[in-house]
């Protein structure tokens, strides 16, 4: 699940239009943050973007899959990060469109979490 430093630096450069990008290595991969929110992750030099009910259809329309991993207990866990289309790395404008949608999904998730905490 390792991610190369070169790939992470390429992503930092390509995504810099969103604002200050912070990359944090975790579990052999890396989380990509903007405005303190993780909106993407990288595993095995593959980019995954945050998805929710608003933008998930874009991933499904291209037959892309969510990030999955095996837990210590042996079950498969599915996260709300979906594989980004490979061609986005060759089209910086389209990458920014998808990345903005992922960042908005991360913001919505944070708002929903805050609402649940207040009401719970």
C-alpha atoms as a PDB file:
ATOM      1  CA  UNK A   1       0.000   0.000   0.000  1.00  0.00           C
ATOM      2  CA  UNK A   2       3.051   2.262  -0.258  1.00  0.00           C
ATOM      3  CA  UNK A   3       3.007   5.511  -2.198  1.00  0.00           C
ATOM      4  CA  UNK A   4       6.060   7.032  -3.812  1.00  0.00           C
ATOM      5  CA  UNK A   5       7.267  10.470  -2.830  1.00  0.00           C
ATOM      6  CA  UNK A   6       7.430  11.474  -6.490  1.00  0.00           C
ATOM      7  CA  UNK A   7       3.764  10.678  -7.047  1.00  0.00           C
ATOM      8  CA  UNK A   8       2.748  12.554  -3.902  1.00  0.00           C
ATOM      9  CA  UNK A   9       4.742  15.619  -4.962  1.00  0.00           C
ATOM     10  CA  UNK A  10       3.140  15.502  -8.417  1.00  0.00           C
ATOM     11  CA  UNK A  11      -0.284  15.490  -6.769  1.00  0.00           C
ATOM     12  CA  UNK A  12       0.706  18.345  -4.452  1.00  0.00           C
ATOM     13  CA  UNK A  13       1.656  20.412  -7.508  1.00  0.00           C
ATOM     14  CA  UNK A  14      -1.434  19.460  -9.520  1.00  0.00           C
ATOM     15  CA  UNK A  15      -3.811  20.159  -6.616  1.00  0.00           C
ATOM     16  CA  UNK A  16      -2.191  23.397  -5.434  1.00  0.00           C
ATOM     17  CA  UNK A  17      -4.954  25.429  -7.086  1.00  0.00           C
ATOM     18  CA  UNK A  18      -7.290  24.341  -4.273  1.00  0.00           C
ATOM     19  CA  UNK A  19      -5.147  26.082  -1.667  1.00  0.00           C
ATOM     20  CA  UNK A  20      -2.381  24.885   0.622  1.00  0.00           C
ATOM     21  CA  UNK A  21      -2.121  21.119   0.259  1.00  0.00           C
ATOM     22  CA  UNK A  22      -0.845  19.005   3.134  1.00  0.00           C
ATOM     23  CA  UNK A  23       0.067  15.371   2.665  1.00  0.00           C
ATOM     24  CA  UNK A  24       0.226  13.069   5.666  1.00  0.00           C
ATOM     25  CA  UNK A  25       1.604   9.560   5.366  1.00  0.00           C
ATOM     26  CA  UNK A  26      -0.548   6.916   7.027  1.00  0.00           C
ATOM     27  CA  UNK A  27      -0.803   3.140   6.910  1.00  0.00           C
ATOM     28  CA  UNK A  28       1.649   2.930   4.019  1.00  0.00           C
ATOM     29  CA  UNK A  29      -0.391   5.360   1.951  1.00  0.00           C
ATOM     30  CA  UNK A  30      -1.126   9.043   2.373  1.00  0.00           C
ATOM     31  CA  UNK A  31      -3.997  11.386   3.109  1.00  0.00           C
ATOM     32  CA  UNK A  32      -4.286  14.624   1.130  1.00  0.00           C
ATOM     33  CA  UNK A  33      -5.691  17.609   3.015  1.00  0.00           C
ATOM     34  CA  UNK A  34      -6.836  21.108   2.155  1.00  0.00           C
ATOM     35  CA  UNK A  35      -8.301  23.515   4.718  1.00  0.00           C
ATOM     36  CA  UNK A  36      -7.731  20.851   7.377  1.00  0.00           C
ATOM     37  CA  UNK A  37      -9.979  18.337   5.618  1.00  0.00           C
ATOM     38  CA  UNK A  38      -8.911  15.083   4.059  1.00  0.00           C
ATOM     39  CA  UNK A  39     -10.420  14.997   0.588  1.00  0.00           C
ATOM     40  CA  UNK A  40      -8.221  12.393  -1.063  1.00  0.00           C
ATOM     41  CA  UNK A  41      -6.046   9.433  -0.269  1.00  0.00           C
ATOM     42  CA  UNK A  42      -3.274   7.684  -2.112  1.00  0.00           C
ATOM     43  CA  UNK A  43      -2.502   3.981  -1.959  1.00  0.00           C
ATOM     44  CA  UNK A  44      -0.047   2.188  -4.232  1.00  0.00           C
ATOM     45  CA  UNK A  45       0.328   5.377  -6.296  1.00  0.00           C
ATOM     46  CA  UNK A  46      -3.407   5.396  -6.979  1.00  0.00           C
ATOM     47  CA  UNK A  47      -5.472   8.492  -6.215  1.00  0.00           C
ATOM     48  CA  UNK A  48      -8.832   8.136  -4.476  1.00  0.00           C
ATOM     49  CA  UNK A  49     -11.187  11.101  -4.005  1.00  0.00           C
ATOM     50  CA  UNK A  50     -13.855  11.677  -1.344  1.00  0.00           C
ATOM     51  CA  UNK A  51     -17.348  10.853  -2.559  1.00  0.00           C
ATOM     52  CA  UNK A  52     -20.858  11.196  -1.196  1.00  0.00           C
ATOM     53  CA  UNK A  53     -24.396  11.162  -2.555  1.00  0.00           C
ATOM     54  CA  UNK A  54     -23.734  14.359  -4.525  1.00  0.00           C
ATOM     55  CA  UNK A  55     -20.679  13.292  -6.541  1.00  0.00           C
ATOM     56  CA  UNK A  56     -20.654   9.471  -6.288  1.00  0.00           C
ATOM     57  CA  UNK A  57     -22.513   9.152  -9.592  1.00  0.00           C
ATOM     58  CA  UNK A  58     -19.515  10.569 -11.453  1.00  0.00           C
ATOM     59  CA  UNK A  59     -17.414   7.653 -10.215  1.00  0.00           C
ATOM     60  CA  UNK A  60     -20.125   5.078 -10.853  1.00  0.00           C
ATOM     61  CA  UNK A  61     -20.671   6.380 -14.404  1.00  0.00           C
ATOM     62  CA  UNK A  62     -17.023   5.549 -15.148  1.00  0.00           C
ATOM     63  CA  UNK A  63     -17.201   2.142 -13.410  1.00  0.00           C
ATOM     64  CA  UNK A  64     -14.742   3.211 -10.726  1.00  0.00           C
ATOM     65  CA  UNK A  65     -14.662   1.485  -7.351  1.00  0.00           C
ATOM     66  CA  UNK A  66     -14.357   2.669  -3.765  1.00  0.00           C
ATOM     67  CA  UNK A  67     -11.195   2.143  -1.750  1.00  0.00           C
ATOM     68  CA  UNK A  68     -11.330  -1.154   0.144  1.00  0.00           C
ATOM     69  CA  UNK A  69      -9.002  -2.726   2.641  1.00  0.00           C
ATOM     70  CA  UNK A  70      -8.914  -5.839   4.771  1.00  0.00           C
ATOM     71  CA  UNK A  71      -9.302  -5.276   8.499  1.00  0.00           C
ATOM     72  CA  UNK A  72      -7.333  -7.163  11.145  1.00  0.00           C
ATOM     73  CA  UNK A  73     -10.433  -9.291  11.625  1.00  0.00           C
ATOM     74  CA  UNK A  74     -10.315 -10.358   7.989  1.00  0.00           C
ATOM     75  CA  UNK A  75     -13.390  -8.508   6.726  1.00  0.00           C
ATOM     76  CA  UNK A  76     -13.354  -6.011   3.871  1.00  0.00           C
ATOM     77  CA  UNK A  77     -13.947  -2.391   4.842  1.00  0.00           C
ATOM     78  CA  UNK A  78     -15.152   0.097   2.238  1.00  0.00           C
ATOM     79  CA  UNK A  79     -14.368   3.791   2.567  1.00  0.00           C
ATOM     80  CA  UNK A  80     -16.033   6.857   1.041  1.00  0.00           C
ATOM     81  CA  UNK A  81     -13.030   7.463  -1.232  1.00  0.00           C
ATOM     82  CA  UNK A  82     -13.349   6.324  -4.835  1.00  0.00           C
ATOM     83  CA  UNK A  83     -10.643   5.681  -7.400  1.00  0.00           C
ATOM     84  CA  UNK A  84     -10.015   8.746  -9.528  1.00  0.00           C
ATOM     85  CA  UNK A  85     -10.036   8.268 -13.287  1.00  0.00           C
ATOM     86  CA  UNK A  86      -6.462   7.681 -14.470  1.00  0.00           C
ATOM     87  CA  UNK A  87      -6.793  10.265 -17.243  1.00  0.00           C
ATOM     88  CA  UNK A  88      -7.225  13.075 -14.685  1.00  0.00           C
ATOM     89  CA  UNK A  89      -3.454  13.184 -14.201  1.00  0.00           C
ATOM     90  CA  UNK A  90      -3.146  14.190 -17.862  1.00  0.00           C
ATOM     91  CA  UNK A  91      -5.850  16.872 -17.650  1.00  0.00           C
ATOM     92  CA  UNK A  92      -5.129  19.326 -14.795  1.00  0.00           C
ATOM     93  CA  UNK A  93      -8.359  21.282 -15.343  1.00  0.00           C
ATOM     94  CA  UNK A  94     -10.516  18.170 -15.115  1.00  0.00           C
ATOM     95  CA  UNK A  95      -8.518  16.983 -12.090  1.00  0.00           C
ATOM     96  CA  UNK A  96      -9.320  20.274 -10.358  1.00  0.00           C
ATOM     97  CA  UNK A  97     -13.027  19.827 -11.130  1.00  0.00           C
ATOM     98  CA  UNK A  98     -13.041  16.373  -9.527  1.00  0.00           C
ATOM     99  CA  UNK A  99     -10.836  17.528  -6.628  1.00  0.00           C
ATOM    100  CA  UNK A 100     -13.131  20.488  -5.865  1.00  0.00           C
ATOM    101  CA  UNK A 101     -16.094  18.110  -5.792  1.00  0.00           C
ATOM    102  CA  UNK A 102     -14.162  15.824  -3.418  1.00  0.00           C
ATOM    103  CA  UNK A 103     -13.278  18.745  -1.153  1.00  0.00           C
ATOM    104  CA  UNK A 104     -16.947  19.771  -1.078  1.00  0.00           C
ATOM    105  CA  UNK A 105     -17.889  16.182  -0.179  1.00  0.00           C
ATOM    106  CA  UNK A 106     -15.381  16.335   2.705  1.00  0.00           C
ATOM    107  CA  UNK A 107     -16.913  19.625   3.871  1.00  0.00           C
ATOM    108  CA  UNK A 108     -20.426  18.144   3.754  1.00  0.00           C
ATOM    109  CA  UNK A 109     -19.250  15.109   5.736  1.00  0.00           C
ATOM    110  CA  UNK A 110     -17.724  17.379   8.367  1.00  0.00           C
ATOM    111  CA  UNK A 111     -20.949  19.402   8.638  1.00  0.00           C
ATOM    112  CA  UNK A 112     -23.039  16.250   8.933  1.00  0.00           C
ATOM    113  CA  UNK A 113     -20.733  14.906  11.631  1.00  0.00           C
ATOM    114  CA  UNK A 114     -20.999  18.165  13.585  1.00  0.00           C
ATOM    115  CA  UNK A 115     -24.811  18.072  13.319  1.00  0.00           C
ATOM    116  CA  UNK A 116     -24.919  14.472  14.587  1.00  0.00           C
ATOM    117  CA  UNK A 117     -22.684  15.354  17.527  1.00  0.00           C
ATOM    118  CA  UNK A 118     -24.876  18.319  18.497  1.00  0.00           C
ATOM    119  CA  UNK A 119     -28.083  16.321  18.320  1.00  0.00           C
ATOM    120  CA  UNK A 120     -26.707  13.135  19.843  1.00  0.00           C
END
